[in-house]
């Protein structure tokens, strides 16, 4: 018998990019600054109803994926369309 480990991934938001008006509603900086590690970002959809709506970027994993830390939640893999720089 073999065990298979699968990492839970949050549901992906629609492929359409957020409009500038949506970004302003969340308090996002326009134009968006360059993303860097050790930067706080605003989450469009926090992973739970009880988690913070901001995350600390830890490292870039690919052009569109970042490993981040959310207070009282832990580490999470985020797509760049799930957050914006504040």
N, C-alpha and C. Protein backbone atom coordinates (compact mmCIF):
# COMPACT_ATOMS: atom_id res chain seq x y z
N UNK A 1 0.84 -1.17 0.00
CA UNK A 1 0.00 0.00 0.00
C UNK A 1 0.89 1.24 0.00
N UNK A 2 0.60 2.17 -0.86
CA UNK A 2 1.37 3.40 -0.95
C UNK A 2 0.54 4.56 -0.45
N UNK A 3 1.19 5.47 0.27
CA UNK A 3 0.53 6.67 0.75
C UNK A 3 0.84 7.81 -0.21
N UNK A 4 -0.13 8.59 -0.47
CA UNK A 4 0.05 9.75 -1.33
C UNK A 4 -0.29 11.00 -0.52
N UNK A 5 0.64 11.93 -0.45
CA UNK A 5 0.43 13.18 0.27
C UNK A 5 0.04 14.26 -0.72
N UNK A 6 -1.05 14.92 -0.45
CA UNK A 6 -1.52 16.00 -1.32
C UNK A 6 -1.65 17.25 -0.47
N UNK A 7 -1.06 18.33 -0.94
CA UNK A 7 -1.13 19.61 -0.25
C UNK A 7 -2.40 20.33 -0.66
N UNK A 8 -3.16 20.81 0.33
CA UNK A 8 -4.38 21.52 0.05
C UNK A 8 -4.06 22.86 -0.59
N UNK A 9 -4.77 23.19 -1.63
CA UNK A 9 -4.63 24.48 -2.30
C UNK A 9 -5.98 25.18 -2.26
N UNK A 10 -6.00 26.48 -1.94
CA UNK A 10 -7.28 27.19 -1.91
C UNK A 10 -7.88 27.26 -3.31
N UNK A 11 -9.20 27.40 -3.41
CA UNK A 11 -9.81 27.52 -4.73
C UNK A 11 -9.26 28.74 -5.47
N UNK A 12 -9.09 28.59 -6.77
CA UNK A 12 -8.54 29.67 -7.58
C UNK A 12 -9.64 30.66 -7.94
N UNK A 13 -9.35 31.96 -7.81
CA UNK A 13 -10.33 32.97 -8.21
C UNK A 13 -10.48 32.96 -9.73
N UNK A 14 -11.50 33.60 -10.26
CA UNK A 14 -11.68 33.66 -11.71
C UNK A 14 -10.43 34.21 -12.39
N UNK A 15 -10.22 33.77 -13.60
CA UNK A 15 -9.01 34.16 -14.34
C UNK A 15 -8.96 35.65 -14.67
N UNK A 16 -10.09 36.32 -14.66
CA UNK A 16 -10.08 37.74 -15.01
C UNK A 16 -9.33 38.55 -13.95
N UNK A 17 -8.55 39.47 -14.41
CA UNK A 17 -7.75 40.31 -13.50
C UNK A 17 -8.65 41.36 -12.85
N UNK A 18 -8.28 41.75 -11.64
CA UNK A 18 -9.04 42.79 -10.94
C UNK A 18 -8.85 44.12 -11.65
N UNK A 19 -9.91 44.91 -11.70
CA UNK A 19 -9.82 46.22 -12.34
C UNK A 19 -9.17 47.21 -11.38
N UNK A 20 -8.77 48.35 -11.89
CA UNK A 20 -8.15 49.39 -11.06
C UNK A 20 -9.12 49.84 -9.98
N UNK A 21 -10.41 49.89 -10.29
CA UNK A 21 -11.42 50.29 -9.30
C UNK A 21 -11.48 49.27 -8.16
N UNK A 22 -11.39 47.96 -8.49
CA UNK A 22 -11.37 46.92 -7.46
C UNK A 22 -10.15 47.09 -6.57
N UNK A 23 -9.01 47.38 -7.17
CA UNK A 23 -7.78 47.54 -6.40
C UNK A 23 -7.91 48.72 -5.44
N UNK A 24 -8.47 49.83 -5.92
CA UNK A 24 -8.64 51.01 -5.07
C UNK A 24 -9.58 50.70 -3.90
N UNK A 25 -10.60 49.90 -4.14
CA UNK A 25 -11.55 49.52 -3.10
C UNK A 25 -10.84 48.80 -1.95
N UNK A 26 -9.82 48.01 -2.27
CA UNK A 26 -9.07 47.27 -1.25
C UNK A 26 -7.92 48.08 -0.68
N UNK A 27 -7.72 49.30 -1.14
CA UNK A 27 -6.63 50.13 -0.65
C UNK A 27 -5.29 49.78 -1.26
N UNK A 28 -5.31 49.22 -2.46
CA UNK A 28 -4.08 48.81 -3.14
C UNK A 28 -3.40 50.01 -3.79
N UNK A 29 -2.09 49.94 -3.82
CA UNK A 29 -1.30 51.00 -4.45
C UNK A 29 -1.42 50.90 -5.97
N UNK A 30 -1.66 52.04 -6.61
CA UNK A 30 -1.72 52.09 -8.07
C UNK A 30 -0.80 53.20 -8.53
N UNK A 31 0.18 52.94 -9.37
CA UNK A 31 0.51 51.63 -9.93
C UNK A 31 1.12 50.73 -8.86
N UNK A 32 1.00 49.44 -9.07
CA UNK A 32 1.47 48.47 -8.09
C UNK A 32 3.00 48.50 -8.00
N UNK A 33 3.54 48.55 -6.77
CA UNK A 33 5.00 48.51 -6.63
C UNK A 33 5.52 47.11 -6.92
N UNK A 34 6.82 47.03 -7.15
CA UNK A 34 7.45 45.73 -7.39
C UNK A 34 7.34 44.89 -6.12
N UNK A 35 6.88 43.66 -6.27
CA UNK A 35 6.76 42.76 -5.12
C UNK A 35 8.13 42.29 -4.69
N UNK A 36 8.36 42.29 -3.38
CA UNK A 36 9.63 41.84 -2.83
C UNK A 36 9.37 41.05 -1.55
N UNK A 37 10.29 40.16 -1.17
CA UNK A 37 10.14 39.48 0.11
C UNK A 37 10.10 40.50 1.25
N UNK A 38 9.49 40.13 2.36
CA UNK A 38 9.35 40.99 3.54
C UNK A 38 8.45 42.19 3.28
N UNK A 39 7.44 41.99 2.46
CA UNK A 39 6.50 43.05 2.13
C UNK A 39 5.10 42.60 2.56
N UNK A 40 4.34 43.50 3.18
CA UNK A 40 2.96 43.21 3.54
C UNK A 40 2.08 43.44 2.33
N UNK A 41 1.13 42.53 2.09
CA UNK A 41 0.18 42.67 0.99
C UNK A 41 -1.23 42.46 1.51
N UNK A 42 -2.20 43.02 0.81
CA UNK A 42 -3.62 42.90 1.17
C UNK A 42 -4.23 41.73 0.40
N UNK A 43 -4.91 40.83 1.12
CA UNK A 43 -5.55 39.67 0.49
C UNK A 43 -6.95 40.02 0.02
N UNK A 44 -7.30 39.64 -1.20
CA UNK A 44 -8.65 39.87 -1.70
C UNK A 44 -9.64 38.94 -1.00
N UNK A 45 -9.24 37.68 -0.78
CA UNK A 45 -10.09 36.68 -0.12
C UNK A 45 -9.27 35.93 0.91
N UNK A 46 -9.30 36.33 2.18
CA UNK A 46 -8.54 35.61 3.21
C UNK A 46 -8.94 34.14 3.23
N UNK A 47 -8.02 33.24 3.63
CA UNK A 47 -8.29 31.79 3.58
C UNK A 47 -9.43 31.33 4.50
N UNK A 48 -9.66 32.03 5.60
CA UNK A 48 -10.78 31.70 6.48
C UNK A 48 -11.45 33.00 6.93
N UNK A 49 -12.63 32.86 7.46
CA UNK A 49 -13.36 34.04 7.96
C UNK A 49 -12.67 34.65 9.18
N UNK A 50 -11.80 33.87 9.83
CA UNK A 50 -11.15 34.33 11.06
C UNK A 50 -9.70 34.73 10.88
N UNK A 51 -9.16 34.59 9.67
CA UNK A 51 -7.76 34.93 9.46
C UNK A 51 -7.61 36.41 9.08
N UNK A 52 -6.39 36.91 9.22
CA UNK A 52 -6.10 38.28 8.86
C UNK A 52 -6.28 38.48 7.36
N UNK A 53 -6.49 39.72 6.95
CA UNK A 53 -6.65 40.02 5.53
C UNK A 53 -5.37 40.56 4.91
N UNK A 54 -4.26 40.38 5.62
CA UNK A 54 -2.95 40.77 5.10
C UNK A 54 -1.98 39.61 5.26
N UNK A 55 -0.98 39.59 4.39
CA UNK A 55 0.03 38.53 4.42
C UNK A 55 1.41 39.14 4.25
N UNK A 56 2.42 38.46 4.80
CA UNK A 56 3.82 38.86 4.72
C UNK A 56 4.46 37.98 3.66
N UNK A 57 4.96 38.57 2.58
CA UNK A 57 5.59 37.77 1.52
C UNK A 57 6.93 37.22 2.00
N UNK A 58 7.10 35.92 1.84
CA UNK A 58 8.35 35.26 2.26
C UNK A 58 9.31 35.10 1.10
N UNK A 59 8.85 34.48 0.01
CA UNK A 59 9.72 34.31 -1.16
C UNK A 59 8.89 34.06 -2.41
N UNK A 60 9.46 34.45 -3.53
CA UNK A 60 8.81 34.24 -4.82
C UNK A 60 9.13 32.83 -5.29
N UNK A 61 8.10 32.05 -5.60
CA UNK A 61 8.29 30.67 -6.04
C UNK A 61 8.27 30.55 -7.56
N UNK A 62 7.55 31.42 -8.21
CA UNK A 62 7.51 31.49 -9.66
C UNK A 62 7.05 32.90 -10.02
N UNK A 63 6.89 33.15 -11.31
CA UNK A 63 6.50 34.49 -11.73
C UNK A 63 5.15 34.92 -11.17
N UNK A 64 4.25 33.95 -10.92
CA UNK A 64 2.92 34.28 -10.43
C UNK A 64 2.58 33.67 -9.08
N UNK A 65 3.54 33.07 -8.38
CA UNK A 65 3.29 32.43 -7.09
C UNK A 65 4.27 32.93 -6.03
N UNK A 66 3.72 33.19 -4.83
CA UNK A 66 4.53 33.63 -3.70
C UNK A 66 4.20 32.78 -2.47
N UNK A 67 5.22 32.44 -1.71
CA UNK A 67 5.00 31.84 -0.41
C UNK A 67 4.85 32.99 0.57
N UNK A 68 3.78 32.95 1.37
CA UNK A 68 3.49 34.05 2.29
C UNK A 68 3.12 33.49 3.65
N UNK A 69 3.12 34.36 4.65
CA UNK A 69 2.72 34.01 6.02
C UNK A 69 1.58 34.93 6.43
N UNK A 70 0.51 34.34 6.95
CA UNK A 70 -0.64 35.08 7.43
C UNK A 70 -0.70 34.91 8.95
N UNK A 71 -0.73 36.01 9.72
CA UNK A 71 -0.81 35.90 11.18
C UNK A 71 -1.99 35.03 11.62
N UNK A 72 -1.78 34.21 12.61
CA UNK A 72 -2.79 33.30 13.16
C UNK A 72 -3.32 32.29 12.15
N UNK A 73 -2.60 32.11 11.04
CA UNK A 73 -2.99 31.11 10.04
C UNK A 73 -1.78 30.25 9.67
N UNK A 74 -0.70 30.91 9.27
CA UNK A 74 0.51 30.18 8.89
C UNK A 74 0.90 30.48 7.46
N UNK A 75 1.71 29.56 6.91
CA UNK A 75 2.21 29.74 5.55
C UNK A 75 1.16 29.33 4.53
N UNK A 76 1.21 30.01 3.39
CA UNK A 76 0.26 29.75 2.31
C UNK A 76 0.91 30.12 0.98
N UNK A 77 0.57 29.38 -0.06
CA UNK A 77 1.03 29.71 -1.41
C UNK A 77 -0.04 30.59 -2.05
N UNK A 78 0.36 31.78 -2.50
CA UNK A 78 -0.58 32.73 -3.09
C UNK A 78 -0.24 33.00 -4.55
N UNK A 79 -1.26 33.14 -5.37
CA UNK A 79 -1.08 33.61 -6.74
C UNK A 79 -1.11 35.13 -6.71
N UNK A 80 -0.45 35.76 -7.64
CA UNK A 80 -0.40 37.22 -7.64
C UNK A 80 -1.76 37.86 -7.85
N UNK A 81 -2.75 37.12 -8.35
CA UNK A 81 -4.09 37.70 -8.51
C UNK A 81 -4.93 37.54 -7.25
N UNK A 82 -4.35 37.04 -6.15
CA UNK A 82 -5.06 36.89 -4.89
C UNK A 82 -4.74 38.00 -3.88
N UNK A 83 -3.82 38.91 -4.25
CA UNK A 83 -3.43 39.96 -3.33
C UNK A 83 -2.94 41.18 -4.08
N UNK A 84 -2.76 42.27 -3.35
CA UNK A 84 -2.18 43.48 -3.94
C UNK A 84 -1.29 44.14 -2.89
N UNK A 85 -0.34 44.92 -3.38
CA UNK A 85 0.56 45.65 -2.49
C UNK A 85 -0.18 46.86 -1.93
N UNK A 86 0.05 47.13 -0.66
CA UNK A 86 -0.63 48.28 -0.03
C UNK A 86 0.31 49.46 0.11
